[in-house]
């Protein structure tokens, strides 16, 4: 052995000794397990993400197949019962004192526990879920003898004035519920069965806890939101009903579920709409948005260079952001056109991207991700809202004050309606799904309409007893997740308020555009992005804004 090699070994040994200094035996064992675990999952996750990216931009089935294979291999690692038993022993010992170790241990425990479902039962759940999703995909409602698509239903509900025709198409939107009701209830019971075997009351409770949420915490937030929006929503809906009834040539007392602009009244009807597309049609929105982010001290040029931004054959027609390796390879997929909708989407997806980009690279791999799925949604929403901000538009593309003021008034009305309508709709989804898993054998049809009447102020059709709730696909494909959309909106408003008052030192947000306010990017990088998932989401929010998540700033922004 050469002298150089001997010296190198001594140096490495010294470094290892120093790294282990102060660690107890259990912590050293956990560190060894962690190193082995990361060697297994890091390359697998990277390959899986790359194959999904290639599949999304090419549409090639072989890439989807490879992605599915790598995902299965990753799930197999987390389903290892021997490793899960070791992780439990680490937790139960109480000897893991290092805060970063403890945090990683908690995240590992949740990941392993969610995959400890008995293989036979898991197979049943996957098969049943796939079966229900497939029925959703192929089902088409009928009006008379004619088959109608979802797009046709939405078009009729947005434009048709004949009440009978509206009712027929609304009923067609609910027919899929009858088709899948029994299978969906069976799926709920299978999920509950798995949760009970893992020591939880039901699947809803399990899903929340493994996502570091709990029912009491969420109930408090949604109760506060319900109380703060109840009176403003009642006033807005009275005004809305008067406008819609007049347009439809009926009395306000005759308003029924099919008189709104979508099957569930989850979107604000287009009564205060303003055409913003004309302001973007001659712009290069890629450059526009890149310049905006650069102006607030968030650089996205490298992200855009790795991204796939425009339409092509076989490509996924939607949009998403992906962090390939948690080491800086962050990309977005879009299909950009020069209009307001795609400007909002580009702002939104780059919001996800800058969150990922500015997570502290020195954090351990398992912590190098957002605090929660809804916290990254909040950042995306915070920036996505700017595409309809008249002051942002004025500064970015140049509008005179008169035109800016005309847009501002209409846009604010439209945004208020959009946010209030969605907030009340989320109350229905949140509370119904909770009750669904508590007792899937109860009268779910009546429960659904009780909640719709209570929170959306929509009258149930006379003598209607049908599984209208089951027509909402999210109960199948995204269980126990819908509430996170609302949490994202709440956090976006809470961050906005903190930025306005504490970061920029303003009395209110009148005329605010965020443009060239470098303090905004610096604040978000330090207080939100850099910490990754080092802390549970509500602790991160308190550290970043001085308060735990609350609904009051959402109401301040869009109601008062």
Protein backbone atom coordinates (compact mmCIF):
# COMPACT_ATOMS: atom_id res chain seq x y z
CA UNK A 1 0.00 0.00 0.00
CA UNK A 2 1.40 3.37 -1.04
CA UNK A 3 2.00 6.15 1.44
CA UNK A 4 -0.52 8.31 -0.44
CA UNK A 5 -3.22 5.63 -0.07
CA UNK A 6 -2.43 5.20 3.62
CA UNK A 7 -2.75 8.93 4.23
CA UNK A 8 -6.05 9.00 2.32
CA UNK A 9 -7.46 6.15 4.44
CA UNK A 10 -6.40 7.91 7.62
CA UNK A 11 -8.08 11.13 6.48
CA UNK A 12 -11.33 9.33 5.61
CA UNK A 13 -11.26 7.45 8.92
CA UNK A 14 -10.74 10.70 10.80
CA UNK A 15 -13.65 12.35 8.98
CA UNK A 16 -15.93 9.41 9.78
CA UNK A 17 -14.92 9.50 13.41
CA UNK A 18 -15.64 13.22 13.58
CA UNK A 19 -19.01 12.75 11.88
CA UNK A 20 -19.93 10.09 14.40
CA UNK A 21 -18.73 12.17 17.31
CA UNK A 22 -21.57 12.80 19.69
CA UNK A 23 -23.88 10.24 18.10
CA UNK A 24 -25.22 7.36 20.16
CA UNK A 25 -25.32 3.76 18.96
CA UNK A 26 -28.93 3.97 17.70
CA UNK A 27 -28.22 7.13 15.73
CA UNK A 28 -25.20 5.49 14.09
CA UNK A 29 -27.34 2.49 13.15
CA UNK A 30 -30.01 4.76 11.72
CA UNK A 31 -27.42 6.70 9.71
CA UNK A 32 -26.15 3.42 8.25
CA UNK A 33 -29.70 2.38 7.33
CA UNK A 34 -30.37 5.80 5.83
CA UNK A 35 -27.27 5.68 3.65
CA UNK A 36 -28.23 2.24 2.31
CA UNK A 37 -31.82 3.38 1.72
CA UNK A 38 -30.76 6.45 -0.25
CA UNK A 39 -28.44 4.37 -2.43
CA UNK A 40 -31.48 2.32 -3.39
CA UNK A 41 -34.09 5.03 -3.93
CA UNK A 42 -32.23 8.03 -5.35
CA UNK A 43 -31.27 6.53 -8.73
CA UNK A 44 -34.65 4.81 -8.95
CA UNK A 45 -36.57 8.03 -8.34
CA UNK A 46 -34.44 9.90 -10.84
CA UNK A 47 -34.95 7.29 -13.54
CA UNK A 48 -38.67 7.14 -12.79
CA UNK A 49 -39.01 10.93 -13.09
CA UNK A 50 -37.00 11.02 -16.30
CA UNK A 51 -39.10 8.31 -17.91
CA UNK A 52 -42.31 10.09 -16.94
CA UNK A 53 -40.92 13.28 -18.47
CA UNK A 54 -40.00 11.47 -21.69
CA UNK A 55 -43.43 9.83 -21.76
CA UNK A 56 -45.17 13.18 -21.27
CA UNK A 57 -43.33 14.96 -24.08
CA UNK A 58 -43.44 12.06 -26.58
CA UNK A 59 -46.57 10.10 -25.68
CA UNK A 60 -44.64 6.85 -26.25
CA UNK A 61 -46.12 3.87 -24.45
CA UNK A 62 -42.72 2.28 -23.78
CA UNK A 63 -41.74 5.25 -21.62
CA UNK A 64 -44.95 4.97 -19.61
CA UNK A 65 -44.27 1.25 -19.18
CA UNK A 66 -40.74 1.86 -17.88
CA UNK A 67 -42.05 4.57 -15.56
CA UNK A 68 -44.68 2.18 -14.17
CA UNK A 69 -42.03 -0.51 -13.65
CA UNK A 70 -39.75 1.86 -11.73
CA UNK A 71 -42.67 3.09 -9.64
CA UNK A 72 -43.51 -0.52 -8.74
CA UNK A 73 -39.89 -1.16 -7.72
CA UNK A 74 -39.92 1.95 -5.55
CA UNK A 75 -43.18 0.90 -3.87
CA UNK A 76 -41.66 -2.54 -3.30
CA UNK A 77 -38.81 -0.97 -1.33
CA UNK A 78 -41.28 0.88 0.88
CA UNK A 79 -43.40 -2.22 1.36
CA UNK A 80 -40.52 -4.18 2.95
CA UNK A 81 -41.90 -5.26 6.33
CA UNK A 82 -38.46 -6.05 7.79
CA UNK A 83 -37.19 -2.55 7.07
CA UNK A 84 -40.42 -1.08 8.41
CA UNK A 85 -39.96 -3.02 11.66
CA UNK A 86 -36.44 -1.58 11.93
CA UNK A 87 -37.76 1.95 11.37
CA UNK A 88 -40.36 1.40 14.11
CA UNK A 89 -37.63 0.22 16.46
CA UNK A 90 -35.66 3.40 15.79
CA UNK A 91 -38.71 5.51 16.62
CA UNK A 92 -39.74 3.56 19.69
CA UNK A 93 -36.24 3.60 21.16
CA UNK A 94 -36.37 7.32 21.83
CA UNK A 95 -32.63 7.43 21.18
CA UNK A 96 -32.76 9.38 17.94
CA UNK A 97 -32.03 12.86 19.30
CA UNK A 98 -30.58 14.64 16.27
CA UNK A 99 -33.36 16.85 14.87
CA UNK A 100 -32.56 16.17 11.21
CA UNK A 101 -32.43 12.44 11.88
CA UNK A 102 -35.77 12.61 13.72
CA UNK A 103 -37.39 14.47 10.85
CA UNK A 104 -36.14 11.99 8.27
CA UNK A 105 -37.26 9.13 10.49
CA UNK A 106 -40.78 10.55 10.66
CA UNK A 107 -40.93 10.93 6.87
CA UNK A 108 -39.63 7.41 6.35
CA UNK A 109 -42.10 5.97 8.83
CA UNK A 110 -45.04 7.58 6.99
CA UNK A 111 -43.76 6.40 3.61
CA UNK A 112 -43.26 2.83 4.76
CA UNK A 113 -46.49 2.64 6.75
CA UNK A 114 -48.62 3.69 3.79
CA UNK A 115 -47.18 0.76 1.83
CA UNK A 116 -47.65 -1.93 4.49
CA UNK A 117 -51.04 -3.01 3.15
CA UNK A 118 -51.32 -6.78 2.79
CA UNK A 119 -50.50 -7.61 -0.87
CA UNK A 120 -53.79 -9.38 -1.57
CA UNK A 121 -55.84 -6.51 -0.19
CA UNK A 122 -53.68 -3.94 -1.99
CA UNK A 123 -54.28 -5.78 -5.24
CA UNK A 124 -58.04 -5.61 -4.67
CA UNK A 125 -57.84 -1.87 -3.96
CA UNK A 126 -55.75 -1.16 -7.05
CA UNK A 127 -58.00 -3.29 -9.25
CA UNK A 128 -61.20 -1.75 -7.92
CA UNK A 129 -59.82 1.78 -8.24
CA UNK A 130 -58.73 1.07 -11.81
CA UNK A 131 -62.12 -0.43 -12.59
CA UNK A 132 -64.00 2.62 -11.31
CA UNK A 133 -61.62 5.05 -13.05
CA UNK A 134 -62.06 3.16 -16.31
CA UNK A 135 -65.85 3.39 -16.01
CA UNK A 136 -65.50 7.12 -15.53
CA UNK A 137 -63.29 7.37 -18.61
CA UNK A 138 -65.57 5.52 -21.00
CA UNK A 139 -68.96 6.60 -19.64
CA UNK A 140 -70.98 9.12 -21.62
CA UNK A 141 -74.29 10.52 -20.43
CA UNK A 142 -77.35 10.58 -22.61
CA UNK A 143 -80.04 13.15 -23.36
CA UNK A 144 -82.96 11.33 -24.93
CA UNK A 145 -81.29 8.89 -27.31
CA UNK A 146 -78.23 11.08 -27.91
CA UNK A 147 -74.90 10.52 -26.20
CA UNK A 148 -73.34 13.71 -24.86
CA UNK A 149 -69.77 14.53 -23.84
CA UNK A 150 -68.61 16.45 -20.79
CA UNK A 151 -67.66 19.38 -23.01
CA UNK A 152 -71.16 19.45 -24.51
CA UNK A 153 -72.70 19.41 -21.04
CA UNK A 154 -70.50 22.29 -19.89
CA UNK A 155 -71.26 24.26 -23.04
CA UNK A 156 -75.02 23.91 -22.55
CA UNK A 157 -74.80 24.93 -18.89
CA UNK A 158 -72.79 28.03 -19.81
CA UNK A 159 -74.89 29.23 -22.75
CA UNK A 160 -78.35 27.65 -23.00
CA UNK A 161 -81.39 29.60 -21.77
CA UNK A 162 -84.02 26.85 -22.04
CA UNK A 163 -84.51 25.45 -18.52
CA UNK A 164 -85.72 22.04 -19.65
CA UNK A 165 -82.69 21.53 -21.84
CA UNK A 166 -80.39 22.69 -19.06
CA UNK A 167 -82.04 20.23 -16.67
CA UNK A 168 -81.68 17.35 -19.14
CA UNK A 169 -77.97 18.01 -19.61
CA UNK A 170 -77.40 18.50 -15.88
CA UNK A 171 -79.06 15.13 -15.23
CA UNK A 172 -76.82 13.58 -17.90
CA UNK A 173 -73.79 14.81 -15.94
CA UNK A 174 -74.97 12.81 -12.92
CA UNK A 175 -75.70 9.53 -14.68
CA UNK A 176 -72.17 8.24 -14.16
CA UNK A 177 -72.86 8.31 -10.40
CA UNK A 178 -75.49 5.60 -10.77
CA UNK A 179 -73.08 3.58 -12.88
CA UNK A 180 -70.23 3.54 -10.36
CA UNK A 181 -71.93 4.03 -6.97
CA UNK A 182 -71.73 0.42 -5.77
CA UNK A 183 -68.15 -0.03 -6.93
CA UNK A 184 -67.08 3.24 -5.34
CA UNK A 185 -68.63 2.33 -1.98
CA UNK A 186 -66.89 -1.05 -2.20
CA UNK A 187 -63.61 0.77 -2.88
CA UNK A 188 -64.16 2.98 0.18
CA UNK A 189 -64.73 -0.11 2.31
CA UNK A 190 -61.58 -1.79 0.97
CA UNK A 191 -59.56 1.32 1.76
CA UNK A 192 -61.06 1.39 5.25
CA UNK A 193 -60.25 -2.27 5.72
CA UNK A 194 -56.60 -1.58 4.92
CA UNK A 195 -56.51 1.39 7.29
CA UNK A 196 -58.03 -0.56 10.19
CA UNK A 197 -55.42 -3.30 9.76
CA UNK A 198 -52.76 -0.62 10.10
CA UNK A 199 -54.30 0.66 13.32
CA UNK A 200 -56.46 3.59 12.14
CA UNK A 201 -60.17 4.25 12.55
CA UNK A 202 -60.64 4.60 8.80
CA UNK A 203 -58.85 5.45 5.57
CA UNK A 204 -59.66 9.15 5.86
CA UNK A 205 -57.93 9.44 9.25
CA UNK A 206 -54.98 7.39 8.02
CA UNK A 207 -54.49 9.45 4.88
CA UNK A 208 -54.53 12.72 6.80
CA UNK A 209 -52.09 11.54 9.44
CA UNK A 210 -49.65 10.08 6.92
CA UNK A 211 -49.79 13.46 5.20
CA UNK A 212 -49.03 15.14 8.54
CA UNK A 213 -52.55 16.52 8.90
CA UNK A 214 -55.30 15.72 11.37
CA UNK A 215 -59.07 16.03 11.40
CA UNK A 216 -59.32 18.42 14.34
CA UNK A 217 -56.83 20.85 12.81
CA UNK A 218 -58.59 20.83 9.44
CA UNK A 219 -62.06 21.07 11.00
CA UNK A 220 -60.97 24.21 12.84
CA UNK A 221 -59.67 25.80 9.63
CA UNK A 222 -62.76 24.89 7.59
CA UNK A 223 -65.11 25.96 10.39
CA UNK A 224 -63.39 29.35 10.49
CA UNK A 225 -63.64 29.62 6.70
CA UNK A 226 -67.33 28.70 6.77
CA UNK A 227 -68.12 31.31 9.42
CA UNK A 228 -66.17 34.10 7.70
CA UNK A 229 -67.66 33.44 4.26
CA UNK A 230 -71.25 32.64 5.20
CA UNK A 231 -72.75 36.13 5.10
CA UNK A 232 -70.63 37.44 2.19
CA UNK A 233 -71.46 34.34 0.15
CA UNK A 234 -75.18 34.66 0.88
CA UNK A 235 -75.11 38.26 -0.36
CA UNK A 236 -73.11 37.39 -3.44
CA UNK A 237 -75.34 34.45 -4.30
CA UNK A 238 -78.47 36.59 -4.02
CA UNK A 239 -76.92 39.02 -6.49
CA UNK A 240 -75.78 36.18 -8.73
CA UNK A 241 -79.17 34.46 -8.69
CA UNK A 242 -80.87 37.71 -9.71
CA UNK A 243 -78.54 38.10 -12.69
CA UNK A 244 -78.84 34.47 -13.80
CA UNK A 245 -82.60 34.37 -13.33
CA UNK A 246 -82.98 37.52 -15.41
CA UNK A 247 -80.76 36.07 -18.16
CA UNK A 248 -82.78 32.84 -18.15
CA UNK A 249 -86.17 34.54 -17.99
CA UNK A 250 -87.26 32.86 -14.75
CA UNK A 251 -88.02 34.08 -11.24
CA UNK A 252 -85.27 33.98 -8.60
CA UNK A 253 -87.37 31.48 -6.64
CA UNK A 254 -87.16 29.09 -9.58
CA UNK A 255 -83.35 28.78 -9.50
CA UNK A 256 -82.27 25.11 -9.42
CA UNK A 257 -78.92 23.29 -9.64
CA UNK A 258 -79.01 23.21 -13.44
CA UNK A 259 -79.24 26.98 -13.69
CA UNK A 260 -75.57 27.49 -12.78
CA UNK A 261 -72.63 27.28 -15.18
CA UNK A 262 -71.17 23.92 -14.16
CA UNK A 263 -72.66 20.66 -12.82
CA UNK A 264 -71.51 21.16 -9.21
CA UNK A 265 -71.53 24.98 -8.88
CA UNK A 266 -67.81 24.85 -8.13
CA UNK A 267 -66.91 27.67 -10.52
CA UNK A 268 -68.06 31.26 -10.54
CA UNK A 269 -70.55 31.81 -13.40
CA UNK A 270 -69.32 34.09 -16.17
CA UNK A 271 -71.37 37.15 -15.30
CA UNK A 272 -68.53 39.59 -14.59
CA UNK A 273 -66.18 38.22 -17.20
CA UNK A 274 -63.61 40.41 -18.90
CA UNK A 275 -61.61 39.39 -21.97
CA UNK A 276 -57.95 39.63 -21.00
CA UNK A 277 -56.65 37.52 -23.90
CA UNK A 278 -56.34 40.57 -26.14
CA UNK A 279 -53.66 41.99 -23.86
CA UNK A 280 -51.48 38.90 -24.23
CA UNK A 281 -51.97 37.95 -27.87
CA UNK A 282 -49.05 40.06 -29.15
CA UNK A 283 -46.74 39.29 -26.22
CA UNK A 284 -43.98 36.71 -25.84
CA UNK A 285 -45.35 35.33 -22.58
CA UNK A 286 -42.23 33.21 -21.96
CA UNK A 287 -40.07 36.35 -21.92
CA UNK A 288 -42.74 38.31 -20.05
CA UNK A 289 -42.93 35.82 -17.21
CA UNK A 290 -39.18 35.19 -17.10
CA UNK A 291 -38.57 38.93 -16.75
CA UNK A 292 -41.12 39.16 -13.96
CA UNK A 293 -39.50 36.39 -11.91
CA UNK A 294 -36.03 37.84 -12.48
CA UNK A 295 -37.33 41.18 -11.20
CA UNK A 296 -38.27 39.66 -7.85
CA UNK A 297 -34.93 37.92 -7.39
CA UNK A 298 -36.08 34.46 -8.52
CA UNK A 299 -34.14 33.27 -11.56
CA UNK A 300 -35.97 30.86 -13.88
CA UNK A 301 -33.88 31.00 -17.06
CA UNK A 302 -32.15 27.68 -16.36
CA UNK A 303 -35.50 26.04 -15.60
CA UNK A 304 -37.00 27.28 -18.87
CA UNK A 305 -34.00 26.00 -20.85
CA UNK A 306 -34.61 22.46 -19.57
CA UNK A 307 -38.36 22.69 -20.06
CA UNK A 308 -40.73 21.77 -22.90
CA UNK A 309 -43.02 24.73 -23.48
CA UNK A 310 -44.90 24.41 -26.76
CA UNK A 311 -47.36 22.05 -28.41
CA UNK A 312 -46.26 19.07 -30.47
CA UNK A 313 -47.74 15.78 -31.56
CA UNK A 314 -48.08 13.14 -28.86
CA UNK A 315 -47.23 15.53 -26.03
CA UNK A 316 -49.27 15.77 -22.83
CA UNK A 317 -51.74 18.63 -23.49
CA UNK A 318 -51.75 19.93 -19.93
CA UNK A 319 -49.02 21.38 -17.67
CA UNK A 320 -46.90 20.29 -14.71
CA UNK A 321 -43.62 20.88 -12.91
CA UNK A 322 -41.18 18.13 -12.00
CA UNK A 323 -38.04 17.99 -9.87
CA UNK A 324 -36.08 15.18 -11.51
CA UNK A 325 -33.41 14.55 -8.91
CA UNK A 326 -33.69 17.08 -6.04
CA UNK A 327 -30.26 18.26 -7.15
CA UNK A 328 -31.28 21.10 -9.45
CA UNK A 329 -32.79 19.42 -12.52
CA UNK A 330 -36.18 21.13 -12.40
CA UNK A 331 -38.43 21.37 -15.47
CA UNK A 332 -41.90 22.41 -16.45
CA UNK A 333 -44.15 21.15 -19.22
CA UNK A 334 -46.55 23.58 -20.88
CA UNK A 335 -48.29 24.08 -24.21
CA UNK A 336 -48.00 27.85 -24.36
CA UNK A 337 -50.21 30.14 -26.35
CA UNK A 338 -50.32 33.92 -26.07
CA UNK A 339 -53.43 34.26 -23.92
CA UNK A 340 -54.31 34.94 -20.30
CA UNK A 341 -54.94 31.29 -19.43
CA UNK A 342 -51.48 30.11 -20.44
CA UNK A 343 -49.85 33.16 -18.85
CA UNK A 344 -51.52 32.17 -15.58
CA UNK A 345 -50.35 28.57 -16.11
CA UNK A 346 -46.74 29.61 -16.79
CA UNK A 347 -46.69 31.82 -13.69
CA UNK A 348 -48.24 28.95 -11.73
CA UNK A 349 -45.85 26.20 -12.85
CA UNK A 350 -42.80 28.39 -12.37
CA UNK A 351 -44.08 29.02 -8.83
CA UNK A 352 -43.72 25.28 -8.20
CA UNK A 353 -40.34 25.34 -9.91
CA UNK A 354 -38.75 28.16 -7.90
CA UNK A 355 -39.92 26.49 -4.68
CA UNK A 356 -38.01 23.35 -5.68
CA UNK A 357 -35.01 25.28 -6.99
CA UNK A 358 -34.35 27.28 -3.86
CA UNK A 359 -34.64 24.49 -1.30
CA UNK A 360 -31.33 24.42 0.58
CA UNK A 361 -29.15 21.90 -1.31
CA UNK A 362 -27.32 21.06 1.91
CA UNK A 363 -30.47 19.59 3.44
CA UNK A 364 -30.67 15.78 3.52
CA UNK A 365 -32.25 14.26 0.39
CA UNK A 366 -35.47 13.20 2.14
CA UNK A 367 -36.09 16.75 3.37
CA UNK A 368 -35.27 18.37 0.02
CA UNK A 369 -38.91 18.81 -0.98
CA UNK A 370 -41.74 21.26 -0.15
CA UNK A 371 -43.24 21.17 3.33
CA UNK A 372 -46.49 19.77 1.89
CA UNK A 373 -48.18 19.38 -1.48
CA UNK A 374 -50.49 22.30 -0.67
CA UNK A 375 -47.63 24.64 0.31
CA UNK A 376 -46.12 24.40 -3.16
CA UNK A 377 -49.64 24.86 -4.58
CA UNK A 378 -49.90 28.03 -2.52
CA UNK A 379 -46.79 29.51 -4.13
CA UNK A 380 -48.06 28.55 -7.58
CA UNK A 381 -51.43 30.18 -6.81
CA UNK A 382 -49.79 33.28 -5.35
CA UNK A 383 -48.01 33.99 -8.62
CA UNK A 384 -50.68 32.57 -10.92
CA UNK A 385 -53.17 35.17 -9.66
CA UNK A 386 -51.02 37.93 -11.19
CA UNK A 387 -52.13 37.26 -14.77
CA UNK A 388 -55.47 38.89 -13.86
CA UNK A 389 -53.94 41.72 -11.82
CA UNK A 390 -54.60 44.98 -13.71
CA UNK A 391 -51.61 46.72 -12.12
CA UNK A 392 -49.32 43.84 -13.05
CA UNK A 393 -50.66 44.01 -16.60
CA UNK A 394 -50.16 47.76 -16.77
CA UNK A 395 -46.51 47.57 -15.76
CA UNK A 396 -45.66 44.46 -17.75
CA UNK A 397 -47.26 45.35 -21.10
CA UNK A 398 -48.23 49.02 -20.77
CA UNK A 399 -51.82 50.15 -20.24
CA UNK A 400 -53.10 53.64 -19.63
CA UNK A 401 -54.70 54.36 -16.24
CA UNK A 402 -58.23 54.49 -17.65
CA UNK A 403 -58.07 51.02 -19.20
CA UNK A 404 -56.32 49.65 -16.11
CA UNK A 405 -59.11 50.93 -13.85
CA UNK A 406 -61.82 49.47 -16.08
CA UNK A 407 -60.16 46.05 -15.96
CA UNK A 408 -59.45 46.24 -12.23
CA UNK A 409 -63.09 46.65 -11.22
CA UNK A 410 -64.39 43.79 -13.35
CA UNK A 411 -61.52 41.48 -12.48
CA UNK A 412 -61.95 42.04 -8.75
CA UNK A 413 -65.65 41.16 -8.96
CA UNK A 414 -64.83 38.07 -11.00
CA UNK A 415 -62.09 36.97 -8.58
CA UNK A 416 -64.31 37.51 -5.54
CA UNK A 417 -67.01 35.36 -7.08
CA UNK A 418 -64.55 32.69 -8.18
CA UNK A 419 -62.93 32.39 -4.77
CA UNK A 420 -66.13 32.52 -2.71
CA UNK A 421 -67.94 29.98 -4.88
CA UNK A 422 -64.97 27.62 -4.71
CA UNK A 423 -64.57 28.09 -0.95
CA UNK A 424 -68.18 27.07 -0.29
CA UNK A 425 -67.96 24.16 -2.73
CA UNK A 426 -64.85 22.89 -0.90
CA UNK A 427 -66.87 22.84 2.33
CA UNK A 428 -69.17 20.28 0.71
CA UNK A 429 -66.32 18.10 -0.56
CA UNK A 430 -64.34 18.25 2.68
CA UNK A 431 -67.24 17.41 4.98
CA UNK A 432 -68.86 14.81 2.72
CA UNK A 433 -65.67 12.81 2.21
CA UNK A 434 -65.01 12.77 5.95
CA UNK A 435 -68.50 11.36 6.58
CA UNK A 436 -68.21 8.95 3.65
CA UNK A 437 -65.29 7.13 5.26
CA UNK A 438 -66.79 7.29 8.73
CA UNK A 439 -69.87 5.36 7.55
CA UNK A 440 -70.13 4.34 3.87
CA UNK A 441 -73.45 2.55 4.59
CA UNK A 442 -75.36 5.69 5.63
CA UNK A 443 -77.81 7.54 3.38
CA UNK A 444 -75.13 9.26 1.30
CA UNK A 445 -77.55 10.75 -1.22
CA UNK A 446 -79.38 12.71 1.49
CA UNK A 447 -76.11 13.67 3.19
CA UNK A 448 -74.82 15.13 -0.06
CA UNK A 449 -77.81 17.38 -0.64
CA UNK A 450 -77.94 18.40 3.03
CA UNK A 451 -74.40 19.73 2.66
CA UNK A 452 -75.07 21.35 -0.73
CA UNK A 453 -78.05 23.22 0.71
CA UNK A 454 -76.17 24.23 3.85
CA UNK A 455 -72.96 25.51 2.24
CA UNK A 456 -73.86 26.36 -1.38
CA UNK A 457 -77.44 27.53 -0.82
CA UNK A 458 -78.69 25.44 -3.74
CA UNK A 459 -82.09 23.79 -3.55
CA UNK A 460 -82.17 20.04 -4.04
CA UNK A 461 -84.48 18.81 -6.81
CA UNK A 462 -87.84 17.64 -5.51
CA UNK A 463 -87.96 13.92 -4.67
CA UNK A 464 -84.41 13.37 -5.96
CA UNK A 465 -82.70 10.30 -4.52
CA UNK A 466 -79.67 9.52 -6.66
CA UNK A 467 -75.90 9.20 -6.00
CA UNK A 468 -75.06 12.61 -7.41
CA UNK A 469 -72.01 12.72 -5.15
CA UNK A 470 -70.50 9.73 -6.94
CA UNK A 471 -70.29 11.73 -10.18
CA UNK A 472 -67.30 13.60 -8.73
CA UNK A 473 -64.25 11.70 -9.98
CA UNK A 474 -61.94 12.95 -7.21
CA UNK A 475 -63.47 10.50 -4.71
CA UNK A 476 -61.97 7.76 -6.89
CA UNK A 477 -58.69 9.06 -8.27
CA UNK A 478 -57.60 11.53 -5.56
CA UNK A 479 -59.04 10.33 -2.24
CA UNK A 480 -58.65 12.57 0.81
CA UNK A 481 -56.93 15.28 -1.18
CA UNK A 482 -59.47 17.83 -2.35
CA UNK A 483 -59.25 19.95 0.81
CA UNK A 484 -55.63 20.73 -0.08
CA UNK A 485 -56.76 22.90 -2.99
CA UNK A 486 -58.51 25.17 -0.51
CA UNK A 487 -55.59 25.12 1.93
CA UNK A 488 -53.37 26.28 -0.93
CA UNK A 489 -55.67 29.25 -1.58
CA UNK A 490 -55.70 30.15 2.11
CA UNK A 491 -51.93 30.02 2.39
CA UNK A 492 -51.46 32.05 -0.81
CA UNK A 493 -53.55 34.83 0.75
CA UNK A 494 -51.75 34.57 4.09
CA UNK A 495 -48.38 34.89 2.35
CA UNK A 496 -49.70 37.78 0.26
CA UNK A 497 -50.79 39.65 3.39
CA UNK A 498 -47.43 39.08 5.06
CA UNK A 499 -45.60 40.27 1.94
CA UNK A 500 -47.73 43.41 1.71
CA UNK A 501 -47.54 44.44 5.35
CA UNK A 502 -44.30 42.98 6.71
CA UNK A 503 -41.99 42.53 3.72
CA UNK A 504 -42.94 45.65 1.71
CA UNK A 505 -44.20 47.68 4.67
CA UNK A 506 -47.41 48.84 2.96
CA UNK A 507 -50.71 49.74 4.62
CA UNK A 508 -52.76 47.77 2.08
CA UNK A 509 -52.42 46.00 -1.26
CA UNK A 510 -54.10 48.66 -3.41
CA UNK A 511 -52.21 48.89 -6.69
CA UNK A 512 -49.71 46.18 -5.78
CA UNK A 513 -48.15 44.29 -8.68
CA UNK A 514 -45.05 42.63 -7.10
CA UNK A 515 -42.99 43.83 -10.10
CA UNK A 516 -39.28 44.46 -9.38
CA UNK A 517 -39.79 43.91 -5.65
CA UNK A 518 -36.68 41.86 -4.97
CA UNK A 519 -37.58 41.69 -1.29
CA UNK A 520 -40.40 39.29 -2.20
CA UNK A 521 -38.09 36.68 -3.71
CA UNK A 522 -35.57 37.07 -0.91
CA UNK A 523 -38.27 36.58 1.73
CA UNK A 524 -39.74 33.49 0.06
CA UNK A 525 -36.31 31.93 -0.48
CA UNK A 526 -35.34 32.36 3.14
CA UNK A 527 -38.59 31.67 4.97
CA UNK A 528 -40.48 29.23 2.74
CA UNK A 529 -38.31 27.58 0.10
CA UNK A 530 -34.95 27.02 1.79
CA UNK A 531 -36.28 24.97 4.70
CA UNK A 532 -37.88 22.34 2.45
CA UNK A 533 -39.75 19.87 4.63
CA UNK A 534 -37.45 20.39 7.61
CA UNK A 535 -40.54 21.29 9.65
CA UNK A 536 -44.16 20.09 9.50
CA UNK A 537 -46.21 22.40 7.26
CA UNK A 538 -47.95 24.43 9.96
CA UNK A 539 -44.68 25.05 11.79
CA UNK A 540 -43.15 26.30 8.55
CA UNK A 541 -46.14 28.60 8.01
CA UNK A 542 -45.86 30.01 11.53
CA UNK A 543 -42.13 30.59 11.09
CA UNK A 544 -42.76 32.31 7.75
CA UNK A 545 -45.79 34.45 8.62
CA UNK A 546 -45.93 34.61 12.40
CA UNK A 547 -49.19 32.61 12.53
CA UNK A 548 -50.47 29.14 11.89
CA UNK A 549 -52.65 28.72 8.80
CA UNK A 550 -55.86 30.74 9.05
CA UNK A 551 -58.74 31.63 6.74
CA UNK A 552 -58.95 35.30 7.72
CA UNK A 553 -56.44 36.60 5.15
CA UNK A 554 -58.26 34.85 2.31
CA UNK A 555 -61.44 36.61 3.40
CA UNK A 556 -59.62 39.94 3.79
CA UNK A 557 -58.27 39.66 0.25
CA UNK A 558 -61.38 38.55 -1.59
CA UNK A 559 -64.32 39.67 0.50
CA UNK A 560 -63.70 42.68 2.71
